[in-house]
Protein backbone atom coordinates (compact mmCIF):
# COMPACT_ATOMS: atom_id res chain seq x y z
CA MET A 1 -44.96 -115.89 103.96
CA ARG A 2 -46.78 -117.18 107.28
CA ILE A 3 -45.73 -119.76 109.81
CA ALA A 4 -48.17 -121.84 110.94
CA PHE A 5 -47.92 -123.13 114.87
CA CYS A 6 -47.72 -126.82 113.96
CA ASP A 7 -45.12 -126.18 112.31
CA VAL A 8 -43.15 -123.88 115.10
CA ARG A 9 -44.56 -126.63 117.56
CA GLY A 10 -42.70 -129.39 116.16
CA LEU A 11 -39.41 -127.35 115.80
CA LEU A 12 -39.62 -126.25 119.19
CA ASN A 13 -40.39 -129.89 120.03
CA ASP A 14 -37.25 -131.01 118.15
CA LEU A 15 -35.26 -128.59 119.92
CA ASN A 16 -36.47 -129.66 123.19
CA ASP A 17 -35.93 -133.08 122.59
CA LYS A 18 -32.17 -132.28 121.50
CA LEU A 19 -31.34 -129.87 124.54
CA GLY A 20 -32.64 -132.85 126.86
CA GLY A 21 -30.98 -135.88 125.34
CA GLU A 22 -27.61 -137.29 125.81
CA ASN A 23 -25.21 -134.57 123.92
CA GLY A 24 -27.64 -131.64 125.29
CA ASP A 25 -24.75 -129.34 126.36
CA ARG A 26 -23.42 -129.47 122.97
CA TRP A 27 -26.65 -128.37 121.43
CA ARG A 28 -26.96 -125.96 123.40
CA ASP A 29 -23.48 -124.45 123.06
CA LYS A 30 -24.05 -124.67 119.22
CA LEU A 31 -27.03 -122.79 119.86
CA VAL A 32 -26.06 -120.19 121.94
CA ASN A 33 -23.12 -119.58 119.47
CA MET A 34 -25.45 -118.91 116.88
CA LEU A 35 -27.46 -116.40 118.55
CA ARG A 36 -24.36 -114.93 119.72
CA GLU A 37 -22.97 -114.42 115.89
CA ALA A 38 -26.97 -113.21 114.62
CA THR A 39 -26.46 -110.73 117.37
CA PHE A 40 -22.94 -109.46 117.26
CA LYS A 41 -21.51 -110.04 114.07
CA THR A 42 -18.02 -109.51 113.71
CA TRP A 43 -17.35 -105.82 112.47
CA ARG A 44 -13.15 -106.31 111.76
CA LYS A 45 -10.51 -108.97 112.49
CA LEU A 46 -7.58 -107.74 114.15
CA GLU A 47 -4.40 -109.75 115.25
CA VAL A 48 -2.55 -109.15 118.22
CA GLY A 49 1.02 -110.16 119.28
CA LEU A 50 2.84 -109.48 116.14
CA LEU A 51 5.04 -106.82 118.14
CA ARG A 52 7.03 -107.17 120.75
CA SER A 53 7.76 -104.54 122.87
CA VAL A 54 5.94 -100.92 123.57
CA ASP A 55 8.33 -99.04 121.58
CA SER A 56 7.58 -100.82 118.58
CA TYR A 57 4.20 -99.73 119.05
CA ARG A 58 5.51 -95.95 119.31
CA GLU A 59 7.36 -96.35 116.30
CA LEU A 60 4.22 -97.81 114.52
CA MET A 61 2.37 -94.96 115.88
CA THR A 62 4.82 -92.35 114.53
CA GLU A 63 5.44 -93.99 111.36
CA GLY A 64 1.56 -93.97 110.43
CA GLY A 65 1.24 -90.25 111.19
CA PHE A 66 -1.00 -91.49 114.00
CA LYS A 67 -1.50 -88.93 116.75
CA VAL A 68 -0.96 -90.54 120.45
CA GLY A 69 -2.92 -88.51 123.26
CA ASP A 70 -0.66 -87.91 126.89
CA TYR A 71 -2.97 -90.17 128.66
CA ALA A 72 -2.73 -92.88 126.07
CA SER A 73 1.43 -92.50 125.84
CA LYS A 74 1.49 -93.23 129.56
CA ILE A 75 -0.58 -96.27 129.81
CA LEU A 76 0.98 -97.29 126.54
CA ASN A 77 3.99 -97.48 128.68
CA ASN A 78 2.29 -99.70 131.25
CA MET A 79 0.25 -102.12 128.50
CA LYS A 80 0.63 -105.65 128.90
CA LEU A 81 1.63 -107.37 125.48
CA VAL A 82 -0.07 -110.36 123.80
CA GLU A 83 2.92 -113.19 124.15
CA VAL A 84 1.39 -115.43 121.23
CA LEU A 85 -0.01 -114.31 117.65
CA THR A 86 -4.05 -114.20 117.72
CA THR A 87 -6.86 -113.08 115.67
CA LEU A 88 -9.74 -111.46 117.33
CA ASP A 89 -13.25 -111.20 116.21
CA LEU A 90 -14.02 -107.50 117.18
CA VAL A 91 -17.30 -106.13 117.85
CA ILE A 92 -18.65 -102.54 118.38
CA VAL A 93 -21.86 -102.30 120.82
CA SER A 94 -23.51 -99.35 122.39
CA VAL A 95 -23.92 -99.40 126.05
CA ALA A 96 -27.78 -98.87 124.66
CA GLU A 97 -27.56 -102.10 122.70
CA LEU A 98 -26.18 -103.48 126.12
CA GLY A 99 -29.85 -102.77 127.29
CA PHE A 100 -28.90 -99.84 129.44
CA PHE A 101 -30.67 -96.81 127.98
CA GLU A 102 -29.70 -94.40 130.91
CA GLY A 103 -26.37 -95.36 130.83
CA ALA A 104 -24.27 -97.77 132.74
CA THR A 105 -21.17 -98.03 134.49
CA PHE A 106 -18.23 -99.80 133.61
CA ALA A 107 -18.50 -102.68 135.38
CA GLN A 108 -22.21 -103.01 134.25
CA ILE A 109 -20.94 -103.00 130.61
CA VAL A 110 -18.72 -105.47 131.38
CA GLU A 111 -20.95 -107.89 133.24
CA ARG A 112 -23.99 -107.45 130.80
CA ALA A 113 -21.50 -107.99 127.55
CA ARG A 114 -19.81 -111.31 128.92
CA GLN A 115 -23.42 -112.58 129.44
CA LEU A 116 -23.81 -112.23 126.43
CA GLY A 117 -20.82 -113.97 125.02
CA LEU A 118 -18.48 -110.92 124.79
CA GLU A 119 -15.28 -110.65 126.12
CA LEU A 120 -12.71 -107.92 126.81
CA CYS A 121 -9.96 -107.51 124.62
CA PRO A 122 -6.44 -106.99 125.14
CA ALA A 123 -4.89 -103.65 126.09
CA GLU A 124 -2.82 -104.24 122.80
CA VAL A 125 -6.53 -103.85 120.67
CA GLY A 126 -6.19 -99.82 121.28
CA PRO A 127 -2.57 -99.42 119.12
CA VAL A 128 -3.25 -101.94 116.84
CA LEU A 129 -6.83 -101.20 115.49
CA ARG A 130 -5.39 -97.75 115.51
CA SER A 131 -2.87 -98.39 112.97
CA ALA A 132 -5.45 -100.77 111.09
CA TYR A 133 -8.68 -98.40 110.56
CA LYS A 134 -7.22 -96.12 108.45
CA ASP A 135 -10.86 -95.07 106.87
CA GLN A 136 -12.42 -94.47 110.53
CA PRO A 137 -14.97 -91.79 110.17
CA ARG A 138 -14.75 -88.35 111.37
CA GLY A 139 -16.03 -87.72 114.58
CA GLU A 140 -16.03 -91.34 115.34
CA TRP A 141 -14.51 -92.44 119.01
CA LEU A 142 -14.22 -96.08 120.04
CA ARG A 143 -13.90 -97.31 123.03
CA ILE A 144 -11.67 -100.38 123.51
CA ALA A 145 -13.37 -102.86 126.22
CA MET A 146 -10.50 -103.84 128.63
CA ASP A 147 -9.16 -104.07 131.70
CA PRO A 148 -8.40 -100.42 132.96
CA ILE A 149 -5.21 -99.40 132.92
CA ALA A 150 -3.47 -97.08 135.78
CA ASP A 151 -1.20 -94.29 134.03
CA SER A 152 1.77 -92.44 136.28
CA ASP A 153 -0.35 -90.42 138.06
CA GLY A 154 -2.74 -93.59 139.31
CA PHE A 155 -5.76 -92.62 136.87
CA LEU A 156 -7.28 -95.79 135.48
CA SER A 157 -8.04 -95.39 131.72
CA VAL A 158 -8.97 -97.21 128.56
CA PHE A 159 -7.38 -96.53 125.04
CA ARG A 160 -10.11 -94.78 122.55
CA VAL A 161 -9.38 -94.59 119.05
CA GLY A 162 -10.82 -91.65 117.08
CA ARG A 163 -11.02 -89.53 114.50
CA ASP A 164 -11.34 -85.62 114.51
CA GLY A 165 -10.43 -82.55 112.37
CA ASP A 166 -6.98 -82.72 113.56
CA GLY A 167 -6.31 -86.31 112.41
CA LEU A 168 -6.36 -90.17 113.63
CA TRP A 169 -6.05 -90.65 117.32
CA LEU A 170 -5.03 -93.01 120.18
CA HIS A 171 -6.69 -91.47 122.92
CA ALA A 172 -7.11 -92.69 126.76
CA GLY A 173 -10.53 -92.30 128.64
CA TRP A 174 -10.16 -92.18 132.36
CA PHE A 175 -13.36 -92.80 134.90
CA TYR A 176 -13.85 -93.84 138.22
CA PRO A 177 -15.71 -96.54 138.79
CA GLN A 178 -18.98 -95.03 139.58
CA TYR A 179 -18.83 -92.68 136.41
CA VAL A 180 -21.75 -93.37 134.35
CA PHE A 181 -21.37 -93.73 129.81
CA GLY A 182 -23.96 -92.81 127.91
CA PRO A 183 -26.40 -95.09 125.95
CA GLY A 184 -24.54 -93.92 122.84
CA ASP A 185 -21.16 -94.47 123.59
CA ARG A 186 -19.66 -97.35 121.69
CA TRP A 187 -17.29 -99.69 122.65
CA VAL A 188 -15.07 -102.88 121.21
CA PHE A 189 -15.15 -106.40 122.51
CA VAL A 190 -13.95 -109.19 121.36
CA ARG A 191 -16.67 -111.98 120.39
CA LYS A 192 -15.81 -115.48 121.82
CA PRO A 193 -15.22 -117.80 119.06
């Protein structure tokens, strides 16, 4: 199907009139949201705020047969819980999909994601996603884009959810602020509603 320039020009003129008009901010917000939805499809909806204690999350991991790494266990102790039941739209995005083909630091990843309408996850997404994502493909590891949590040794870490030959894991990956994540590293973010 071919589109004539005059057809596009008319649409662009209409769009320009809407954006420059009295309700321009509202039209801009709608356009931005539409483009974000087209770019970052919701991968999974996830409810957080169901459990009220870290011990409840530990029980959830144990009862589900999930494995919890040592560092994940340490940052689980310091995890801030979501106080209100909230449904989140999660997206998975690689470092390269954010435009970093040579890799990027965590700060660069987060800054670009925010520019594109994504937000950090609450830390609780780590254990909740682990318990919900039972059909995770073997060999897949996803980092949770969240505010890093200091473990008992003072290392900053974020949760990682993965599956290997030993089963389904809740891990934590520690890193230094200058650490460069590779272009293929995949992160879970929250898409703004």
